[in-house]
Amino acid sequence: MSDKAFCLVRVLTLNPGEIREIRSLPEALLFLIDEWPVDKTHSWTAAVKIGLTALKNTDSITDARSAFIKAAQAANIYVANANS
């Protein structure tokens, strides 16, 4: 398991009915930057900043995961496993 791995989070993608499994910080950042299905909000910006900081080991992976989940929830994107 990567040192940038975190507990599984599932999010809805742009493709109807398609769920994406996010298992690591790099996957979360890729989704945020390349696949985000709605307008980018303050929560999205915070999630990207916290994630990029966590890549440099100056912020926790748990904080990055929480920010990713918060951004998805704020954008009304379906999120599963948010409490794991």
N, C-alpha and C. Protein backbone atom coordinates (compact mmCIF):
# COMPACT_ATOMS: atom_id res chain seq x y z
N MET A 1 0.84 -1.19 0.00
CA MET A 1 0.00 0.00 0.00
C MET A 1 0.89 1.25 0.00
N SER A 2 0.52 2.20 -0.82
CA SER A 2 1.27 3.43 -0.93
C SER A 2 1.19 4.24 0.36
N ASP A 3 2.23 5.03 0.63
CA ASP A 3 2.17 5.90 1.81
C ASP A 3 1.20 7.05 1.58
N LYS A 4 0.67 7.18 0.38
CA LYS A 4 -0.33 8.21 0.07
C LYS A 4 -1.73 7.60 -0.06
N ALA A 5 -1.87 6.35 0.40
CA ALA A 5 -3.17 5.66 0.33
C ALA A 5 -4.06 6.11 1.48
N PHE A 6 -5.38 6.01 1.26
CA PHE A 6 -6.32 6.25 2.34
C PHE A 6 -7.53 5.36 2.17
N CYS A 7 -8.41 5.36 3.16
CA CYS A 7 -9.60 4.52 3.12
C CYS A 7 -10.44 4.87 1.89
N LEU A 8 -10.97 3.84 1.27
CA LEU A 8 -11.75 3.96 0.05
C LEU A 8 -12.88 4.99 0.18
N VAL A 9 -13.01 5.82 -0.87
CA VAL A 9 -14.12 6.75 -1.02
C VAL A 9 -14.69 6.50 -2.41
N ARG A 10 -16.00 6.41 -2.52
CA ARG A 10 -16.65 6.25 -3.83
C ARG A 10 -17.39 7.54 -4.17
N VAL A 11 -17.22 8.00 -5.43
CA VAL A 11 -17.90 9.22 -5.88
C VAL A 11 -18.52 8.99 -7.25
N LEU A 12 -19.59 9.70 -7.52
CA LEU A 12 -20.26 9.64 -8.80
C LEU A 12 -19.47 10.45 -9.82
N THR A 13 -19.35 9.93 -11.04
CA THR A 13 -18.61 10.63 -12.10
C THR A 13 -19.58 11.33 -13.05
N LEU A 14 -19.03 11.91 -14.11
CA LEU A 14 -19.85 12.55 -15.13
C LEU A 14 -20.70 11.54 -15.89
N ASN A 15 -20.23 10.29 -16.00
CA ASN A 15 -20.96 9.26 -16.72
C ASN A 15 -22.11 8.76 -15.85
N PRO A 16 -23.35 8.82 -16.35
CA PRO A 16 -24.51 8.44 -15.55
C PRO A 16 -24.36 7.04 -14.93
N GLY A 17 -24.53 7.00 -13.63
CA GLY A 17 -24.47 5.73 -12.91
C GLY A 17 -23.08 5.19 -12.65
N GLU A 18 -22.04 5.87 -13.10
CA GLU A 18 -20.68 5.37 -12.91
C GLU A 18 -20.12 5.88 -11.58
N ILE A 19 -19.62 4.96 -10.79
CA ILE A 19 -19.02 5.28 -9.50
C ILE A 19 -17.51 5.09 -9.62
N ARG A 20 -16.76 6.06 -9.16
CA ARG A 20 -15.30 5.99 -9.19
C ARG A 20 -14.80 5.69 -7.79
N GLU A 21 -13.90 4.73 -7.67
CA GLU A 21 -13.31 4.39 -6.38
C GLU A 21 -11.99 5.15 -6.23
N ILE A 22 -11.89 5.92 -5.17
CA ILE A 22 -10.70 6.72 -4.87
C ILE A 22 -10.02 6.08 -3.67
N ARG A 23 -8.78 5.63 -3.85
CA ARG A 23 -8.07 4.92 -2.79
C ARG A 23 -6.77 5.60 -2.34
N SER A 24 -6.44 6.71 -2.99
CA SER A 24 -5.17 7.34 -2.65
C SER A 24 -5.23 8.84 -2.93
N LEU A 25 -4.28 9.54 -2.36
CA LEU A 25 -4.18 10.98 -2.60
C LEU A 25 -3.98 11.30 -4.08
N PRO A 26 -3.06 10.61 -4.78
CA PRO A 26 -2.93 10.91 -6.21
C PRO A 26 -4.23 10.69 -6.99
N GLU A 27 -4.99 9.64 -6.67
CA GLU A 27 -6.27 9.42 -7.34
C GLU A 27 -7.26 10.53 -7.03
N ALA A 28 -7.29 10.98 -5.79
CA ALA A 28 -8.19 12.07 -5.41
C ALA A 28 -7.84 13.35 -6.16
N LEU A 29 -6.55 13.66 -6.23
CA LEU A 29 -6.14 14.87 -6.94
C LEU A 29 -6.44 14.77 -8.43
N LEU A 30 -6.23 13.61 -9.02
CA LEU A 30 -6.55 13.41 -10.44
C LEU A 30 -8.04 13.63 -10.68
N PHE A 31 -8.86 13.08 -9.80
CA PHE A 31 -10.31 13.28 -9.93
C PHE A 31 -10.67 14.76 -9.78
N LEU A 32 -10.12 15.39 -8.77
CA LEU A 32 -10.40 16.81 -8.54
C LEU A 32 -10.02 17.67 -9.74
N ILE A 33 -8.86 17.41 -10.31
CA ILE A 33 -8.33 18.28 -11.35
C ILE A 33 -8.86 17.93 -12.74
N ASP A 34 -8.98 16.64 -13.04
CA ASP A 34 -9.34 16.22 -14.40
C ASP A 34 -10.77 15.73 -14.59
N GLU A 35 -11.42 15.30 -13.51
CA GLU A 35 -12.71 14.64 -13.68
C GLU A 35 -13.85 15.27 -12.87
N TRP A 36 -13.59 16.37 -12.20
CA TRP A 36 -14.60 16.98 -11.33
C TRP A 36 -15.84 17.29 -12.16
N PRO A 37 -17.02 16.72 -11.79
CA PRO A 37 -18.19 16.82 -12.66
C PRO A 37 -19.03 18.09 -12.54
N VAL A 38 -18.70 18.96 -11.62
CA VAL A 38 -19.51 20.17 -11.41
C VAL A 38 -18.59 21.39 -11.28
N ASP A 39 -19.21 22.56 -11.10
CA ASP A 39 -18.43 23.79 -10.93
C ASP A 39 -17.50 23.68 -9.73
N LYS A 40 -16.36 24.29 -9.85
CA LYS A 40 -15.36 24.28 -8.78
C LYS A 40 -15.72 25.36 -7.75
N THR A 41 -15.73 24.96 -6.48
CA THR A 41 -16.14 25.83 -5.40
C THR A 41 -14.96 26.11 -4.47
N HIS A 42 -15.23 26.87 -3.42
CA HIS A 42 -14.22 27.12 -2.39
C HIS A 42 -13.75 25.80 -1.78
N SER A 43 -14.67 24.88 -1.54
CA SER A 43 -14.30 23.58 -0.98
C SER A 43 -13.41 22.80 -1.93
N TRP A 44 -13.67 22.90 -3.24
CA TRP A 44 -12.82 22.25 -4.24
C TRP A 44 -11.41 22.82 -4.17
N THR A 45 -11.31 24.14 -4.14
CA THR A 45 -10.00 24.80 -4.06
C THR A 45 -9.25 24.36 -2.81
N ALA A 46 -9.94 24.32 -1.69
CA ALA A 46 -9.31 23.88 -0.43
C ALA A 46 -8.84 22.44 -0.54
N ALA A 47 -9.65 21.56 -1.13
CA ALA A 47 -9.26 20.15 -1.27
C ALA A 47 -8.01 20.00 -2.14
N VAL A 48 -7.93 20.76 -3.22
CA VAL A 48 -6.74 20.70 -4.08
C VAL A 48 -5.52 21.21 -3.32
N LYS A 49 -5.64 22.33 -2.64
CA LYS A 49 -4.50 22.89 -1.89
C LYS A 49 -4.04 21.94 -0.79
N ILE A 50 -4.98 21.39 -0.03
CA ILE A 50 -4.61 20.47 1.05
C ILE A 50 -3.99 19.20 0.47
N GLY A 51 -4.53 18.72 -0.64
CA GLY A 51 -3.98 17.53 -1.28
C GLY A 51 -2.57 17.76 -1.79
N LEU A 52 -2.33 18.88 -2.44
CA LEU A 52 -0.99 19.18 -2.94
C LEU A 52 0.00 19.34 -1.80
N THR A 53 -0.45 19.94 -0.72
CA THR A 53 0.41 20.09 0.46
C THR A 53 0.74 18.72 1.05
N ALA A 54 -0.27 17.84 1.10
CA ALA A 54 -0.06 16.50 1.66
C ALA A 54 0.93 15.70 0.81
N LEU A 55 0.98 15.96 -0.49
CA LEU A 55 1.96 15.28 -1.35
C LEU A 55 3.39 15.59 -0.91
N LYS A 56 3.58 16.76 -0.33
CA LYS A 56 4.90 17.18 0.13
C LYS A 56 5.16 16.75 1.57
N ASN A 57 4.24 15.94 2.12
CA ASN A 57 4.36 15.43 3.50
C ASN A 57 4.29 16.52 4.56
N THR A 58 3.68 17.63 4.27
CA THR A 58 3.53 18.67 5.29
C THR A 58 2.09 18.77 5.79
N ASP A 59 1.25 17.92 5.29
CA ASP A 59 -0.13 17.87 5.74
C ASP A 59 -0.52 16.40 5.75
N SER A 60 -1.49 16.04 6.54
CA SER A 60 -1.82 14.62 6.66
C SER A 60 -2.70 14.13 5.52
N ILE A 61 -2.55 12.87 5.21
CA ILE A 61 -3.38 12.23 4.20
C ILE A 61 -4.84 12.22 4.67
N THR A 62 -5.05 12.03 5.96
CA THR A 62 -6.40 12.03 6.51
C THR A 62 -7.07 13.38 6.28
N ASP A 63 -6.33 14.47 6.47
CA ASP A 63 -6.88 15.80 6.21
C ASP A 63 -7.23 15.97 4.74
N ALA A 64 -6.38 15.45 3.86
CA ALA A 64 -6.62 15.55 2.42
C ALA A 64 -7.87 14.76 2.04
N ARG A 65 -8.02 13.56 2.60
CA ARG A 65 -9.21 12.74 2.34
C ARG A 65 -10.46 13.46 2.82
N SER A 66 -10.40 14.02 4.01
CA SER A 66 -11.55 14.75 4.56
C SER A 66 -11.92 15.94 3.70
N ALA A 67 -10.91 16.66 3.21
CA ALA A 67 -11.17 17.82 2.34
C ALA A 67 -11.79 17.39 1.02
N PHE A 68 -11.32 16.26 0.47
CA PHE A 68 -11.89 15.71 -0.76
C PHE A 68 -13.37 15.39 -0.56
N ILE A 69 -13.68 14.71 0.53
CA ILE A 69 -15.07 14.35 0.84
C ILE A 69 -15.92 15.60 1.03
N LYS A 70 -15.41 16.57 1.77
CA LYS A 70 -16.14 17.82 2.01
C LYS A 70 -16.44 18.53 0.69
N ALA A 71 -15.47 18.57 -0.21
CA ALA A 71 -15.67 19.22 -1.51
C ALA A 71 -16.74 18.50 -2.31
N ALA A 72 -16.71 17.18 -2.31
CA ALA A 72 -17.72 16.41 -3.04
C ALA A 72 -19.11 16.64 -2.44
N GLN A 73 -19.21 16.60 -1.14
CA GLN A 73 -20.50 16.81 -0.48
C GLN A 73 -21.01 18.23 -0.73
N ALA A 74 -20.13 19.22 -0.68
CA ALA A 74 -20.54 20.61 -0.92
C ALA A 74 -21.04 20.80 -2.34
N ALA A 75 -20.52 19.99 -3.27
CA ALA A 75 -20.93 20.08 -4.67
C ALA A 75 -22.10 19.14 -4.98
N ASN A 76 -22.65 18.52 -3.94
CA ASN A 76 -23.76 17.56 -4.11
C ASN A 76 -23.40 16.39 -5.00
N ILE A 77 -22.16 15.96 -4.92
CA ILE A 77 -21.70 14.76 -5.61
C ILE A 77 -21.91 13.59 -4.65
N TYR A 78 -22.51 12.54 -5.16
CA TYR A 78 -22.73 11.35 -4.34
C TYR A 78 -21.40 10.85 -3.81
N VAL A 79 -21.33 10.61 -2.49
CA VAL A 79 -20.13 10.10 -1.84
C VAL A 79 -20.51 8.91 -0.96
N ALA A 80 -19.78 7.82 -1.11
CA ALA A 80 -19.98 6.66 -0.24
C ALA A 80 -18.68 6.38 0.50
N ASN A 81 -18.77 5.75 1.65
CA ASN A 81 -17.62 5.42 2.49
C ASN A 81 -16.97 6.67 3.08
N ALA A 82 -17.71 7.73 3.22
CA ALA A 82 -17.16 8.97 3.74
C ALA A 82 -16.81 8.88 5.22
N ASN A 83 -17.40 7.93 5.92
CA ASN A 83 -17.15 7.83 7.36
C ASN A 83 -16.11 6.80 7.73
N SER A 84 -15.53 6.15 6.77
CA SER A 84 -14.52 5.11 7.07
C SER A 84 -13.21 5.71 7.47
